[in-house]
Amino acid sequence: DIGDRIREILERYVERLGDSNPTGAARAKALLNLQREDQWSFLPLKKVWPLLDAAGRAAYAKAIEDEFHALPPRSPTKGNRFQSEHFWPTERMEALATVRGDTDTLVAVISQDLTSGHSYERIVAACEAAGRPREAMRWAERGLKAHPDWRGMRPLLARQYERAALTDESLEHYGQDFQWQHTVETWQALKNSG
């Protein structure tokens, strides 16, 4: 119940902001301060970005970029995305790249932690959404090489090959996925391929 009430209050706050004129950097700072206190993502950037004018967006972006670039260096193979000092600045940087439509930055941020197949899946999805099928295929290939036992990697790569009309390669990976895990889903994917 408390979470629902907080969400309602923040939705009303956003509505009221939408009824007023943007106030540049001051509004950006106030929204960012609220987001920093918001541990449940009740106030996502995609909702507040339209409420900022050009000066507000520039101020918001600079603050997020500064916060993100101030993080200590990370190794993409050590799994530190969910460490508290990295998590929220990384989340905000990803959200910023998404609202800006900046796929290169989004991929760069996600690829700072490649310790699970999930990161590769997210990068492939970002490349697909940006209309970059070759890049999506390369990331899917890298993902399978790095995480051959990750459950979704083989079908992810098979779908990329299927989209590129590489039928034999696609069929091979669907077949390997079915051999690895005998489920209705893997059988259906194999049956429908080619």
Protein backbone atom coordinates (compact mmCIF):
# COMPACT_ATOMS: atom_id res chain seq x y z
CA ASP A 1 0.00 0.00 0.00
CA ILE A 2 2.77 2.45 0.86
CA GLY A 3 4.42 1.85 -2.53
CA ASP A 4 1.13 2.48 -4.32
CA ARG A 5 0.62 5.75 -2.43
CA ILE A 6 4.17 6.90 -3.23
CA ARG A 7 3.61 6.08 -6.90
CA GLU A 8 0.34 8.08 -6.90
CA ILE A 9 1.98 11.08 -5.26
CA LEU A 10 4.83 11.07 -7.75
CA GLU A 11 2.43 10.68 -10.69
CA ARG A 12 0.51 13.73 -9.46
CA TYR A 13 3.77 15.60 -8.99
CA VAL A 14 4.76 14.83 -12.59
CA GLU A 15 1.31 15.91 -13.83
CA ARG A 16 1.65 19.23 -12.00
CA LEU A 17 5.10 19.75 -13.45
CA GLY A 18 3.65 19.14 -16.89
CA ASP A 19 1.14 21.95 -16.30
CA SER A 20 3.85 24.46 -15.44
CA ASN A 21 6.57 26.03 -17.57
CA PRO A 22 10.00 24.37 -17.63
CA THR A 23 12.51 26.19 -15.49
CA GLY A 24 15.79 24.92 -16.87
CA ALA A 25 18.57 23.72 -14.62
CA ALA A 26 16.62 24.26 -11.39
CA ARG A 27 13.92 21.80 -12.45
CA ALA A 28 16.53 19.31 -13.64
CA LYS A 29 18.33 19.48 -10.31
CA ALA A 30 15.10 19.00 -8.35
CA LEU A 31 14.09 15.99 -10.47
CA LEU A 32 17.52 14.41 -10.20
CA ASN A 33 17.52 14.86 -6.42
CA LEU A 34 14.14 13.10 -6.27
CA GLN A 35 15.42 10.29 -8.47
CA ARG A 36 18.44 9.82 -6.25
CA GLU A 37 16.11 9.23 -3.30
CA ASP A 38 13.87 6.91 -5.35
CA GLN A 39 15.09 3.34 -4.77
CA TRP A 40 12.06 1.83 -6.54
CA SER A 41 12.15 3.68 -9.88
CA PHE A 42 8.82 5.41 -9.30
CA LEU A 43 10.10 8.42 -11.23
CA PRO A 44 11.69 7.04 -14.42
CA LEU A 45 13.53 9.40 -16.74
CA LYS A 46 11.25 8.64 -19.68
CA LYS A 47 8.41 10.30 -17.74
CA VAL A 48 10.31 13.40 -16.68
CA TRP A 49 12.50 14.00 -19.75
CA PRO A 50 9.63 15.63 -21.70
CA LEU A 51 9.13 18.05 -18.78
CA LEU A 52 12.59 19.55 -19.22
CA ASP A 53 13.45 22.32 -21.64
CA ALA A 54 16.77 22.35 -23.53
CA ALA A 55 18.65 23.96 -20.63
CA GLY A 56 17.15 21.49 -18.16
CA ARG A 57 18.05 18.51 -20.35
CA ALA A 58 21.61 19.76 -20.75
CA ALA A 59 21.98 20.28 -16.98
CA TYR A 60 20.43 16.89 -16.20
CA ALA A 61 22.62 15.10 -18.75
CA LYS A 62 25.80 16.76 -17.47
CA ALA A 63 25.02 15.78 -13.88
CA ILE A 64 24.34 12.15 -14.87
CA GLU A 65 27.43 11.93 -17.07
CA ASP A 66 29.64 13.46 -14.37
CA GLU A 67 28.27 11.04 -11.76
CA PHE A 68 28.77 8.05 -14.07
CA HIS A 69 32.29 9.00 -15.19
CA ALA A 70 33.34 9.58 -11.57
CA LEU A 71 32.77 5.90 -10.75
CA PRO A 72 35.91 3.86 -10.08
CA PRO A 73 37.11 1.79 -13.05
CA ARG A 74 35.43 -1.56 -13.48
CA SER A 75 36.38 -4.85 -15.06
CA PRO A 76 33.81 -6.23 -17.51
CA THR A 77 34.53 -9.73 -16.19
CA LYS A 78 34.19 -9.19 -12.43
CA GLY A 79 30.44 -8.68 -12.06
CA ASN A 80 30.14 -5.37 -10.26
CA ARG A 81 27.04 -3.88 -11.92
CA PHE A 82 24.91 -4.48 -8.85
CA GLN A 83 27.36 -3.05 -6.35
CA SER A 84 25.56 -0.14 -4.74
CA GLU A 85 28.01 2.58 -5.74
CA HIS A 86 27.73 1.52 -9.40
CA PHE A 87 24.09 0.48 -9.71
CA TRP A 88 22.14 3.75 -9.65
CA PRO A 89 24.61 5.90 -11.61
CA THR A 90 24.74 3.13 -14.22
CA GLU A 91 20.95 2.85 -14.32
CA ARG A 92 20.61 6.61 -14.76
CA MET A 93 23.25 6.66 -17.50
CA GLU A 94 21.45 3.86 -19.36
CA ALA A 95 18.15 5.72 -19.03
CA LEU A 96 19.77 8.90 -20.34
CA ALA A 97 21.20 7.08 -23.36
CA THR A 98 17.80 5.51 -24.00
CA VAL A 99 15.79 8.75 -23.93
CA ARG A 100 18.37 10.37 -26.18
CA GLY A 101 18.28 7.45 -28.61
CA ASP A 102 22.06 7.09 -28.17
CA THR A 103 22.63 3.40 -28.89
CA ASP A 104 26.43 3.69 -28.89
CA THR A 105 26.45 5.03 -25.34
CA LEU A 106 23.85 2.50 -24.19
CA VAL A 107 25.94 -0.38 -25.55
CA ALA A 108 29.11 1.08 -24.01
CA VAL A 109 27.47 1.35 -20.58
CA ILE A 110 25.91 -2.13 -20.62
CA SER A 111 29.12 -3.71 -21.91
CA GLN A 112 31.05 -2.54 -18.84
CA ASP A 113 29.77 -5.69 -17.11
CA LEU A 114 29.65 -8.76 -19.36
CA THR A 115 29.65 -11.35 -16.59
CA SER A 116 26.29 -12.81 -17.61
CA GLY A 117 24.42 -13.60 -20.78
CA HIS A 118 21.79 -11.12 -19.71
CA SER A 119 24.07 -8.21 -20.62
CA TYR A 120 24.55 -9.64 -24.11
CA GLU A 121 20.80 -10.12 -24.48
CA ARG A 122 20.23 -6.48 -23.54
CA ILE A 123 22.88 -5.28 -26.00
CA VAL A 124 21.40 -7.39 -28.81
CA ALA A 125 17.95 -5.95 -28.04
CA ALA A 126 19.35 -2.39 -28.09
CA CYS A 127 21.03 -3.00 -31.45
CA GLU A 128 17.86 -4.52 -32.88
CA ALA A 129 15.78 -1.58 -31.67
CA ALA A 130 18.25 0.79 -33.36
CA GLY A 131 18.03 -1.10 -36.66
CA ARG A 132 21.56 -2.50 -36.45
CA PRO A 133 21.16 -6.19 -37.34
CA ARG A 134 24.84 -6.88 -38.10
CA GLU A 135 25.93 -5.45 -34.78
CA ALA A 136 23.19 -7.42 -33.01
CA MET A 137 24.47 -10.61 -34.64
CA ARG A 138 28.08 -9.89 -33.63
CA TRP A 139 27.02 -9.31 -30.01
CA ALA A 140 24.97 -12.53 -30.03
CA GLU A 141 28.01 -14.43 -31.36
CA ARG A 142 30.21 -12.89 -28.66
CA GLY A 143 27.58 -13.73 -26.04
CA LEU A 144 27.46 -17.41 -27.00
CA LYS A 145 31.24 -17.61 -27.01
CA ALA A 146 31.46 -15.97 -23.55
CA HIS A 147 28.46 -17.78 -22.02
CA PRO A 148 27.80 -21.05 -23.89
CA ASP A 149 25.70 -22.40 -20.99
CA TRP A 150 23.48 -19.33 -20.69
CA ARG A 151 20.00 -20.63 -21.45
CA GLY A 152 18.94 -17.99 -23.97
CA MET A 153 22.20 -17.60 -25.93
CA ARG A 154 21.78 -20.26 -28.62
CA PRO A 155 18.24 -19.25 -29.60
CA LEU A 156 19.27 -15.59 -29.47
CA LEU A 157 22.03 -16.23 -31.99
CA ALA A 158 19.80 -18.55 -34.03
CA ARG A 159 17.22 -15.74 -34.39
CA GLN A 160 19.95 -13.36 -35.55
CA TYR A 161 21.08 -15.86 -38.19
CA GLU A 162 17.46 -16.45 -39.19
CA ARG A 163 16.94 -12.70 -39.73
CA ALA A 164 20.10 -12.60 -41.85
CA ALA A 165 18.78 -15.51 -43.98
CA LEU A 166 21.60 -17.76 -42.74
CA THR A 167 19.27 -20.75 -42.54
CA ASP A 168 21.84 -23.51 -42.02
CA GLU A 169 23.54 -21.64 -39.17
CA SER A 170 20.21 -20.83 -37.58
CA LEU A 171 19.03 -24.45 -37.80
CA GLU A 172 22.30 -25.66 -36.29
CA HIS A 173 21.90 -23.45 -33.20
CA TYR A 174 18.22 -24.29 -32.74
CA GLY A 175 19.22 -27.97 -32.97
CA GLN A 176 22.00 -27.53 -30.41
CA ASP A 177 19.58 -25.72 -28.10
CA PHE A 178 17.09 -28.60 -28.35
CA GLN A 179 19.85 -31.13 -27.62
CA TRP A 180 20.94 -29.07 -24.63
CA GLN A 181 17.43 -28.74 -23.20
CA HIS A 182 14.52 -30.89 -24.33
CA THR A 183 11.51 -28.61 -23.86
CA VAL A 184 8.39 -27.83 -25.83
CA GLU A 185 9.76 -24.35 -26.55
CA THR A 186 13.09 -25.57 -27.93
CA TRP A 187 11.34 -28.22 -30.03
CA GLN A 188 8.89 -25.65 -31.39
CA ALA A 189 11.72 -23.28 -32.30
CA LEU A 190 13.61 -26.08 -34.06
CA LYS A 191 10.49 -27.26 -35.90
CA ASN A 192 9.65 -23.71 -37.07
CA SER A 193 13.19 -22.87 -38.20
CA GLY A 194 14.36 -23.18 -41.77
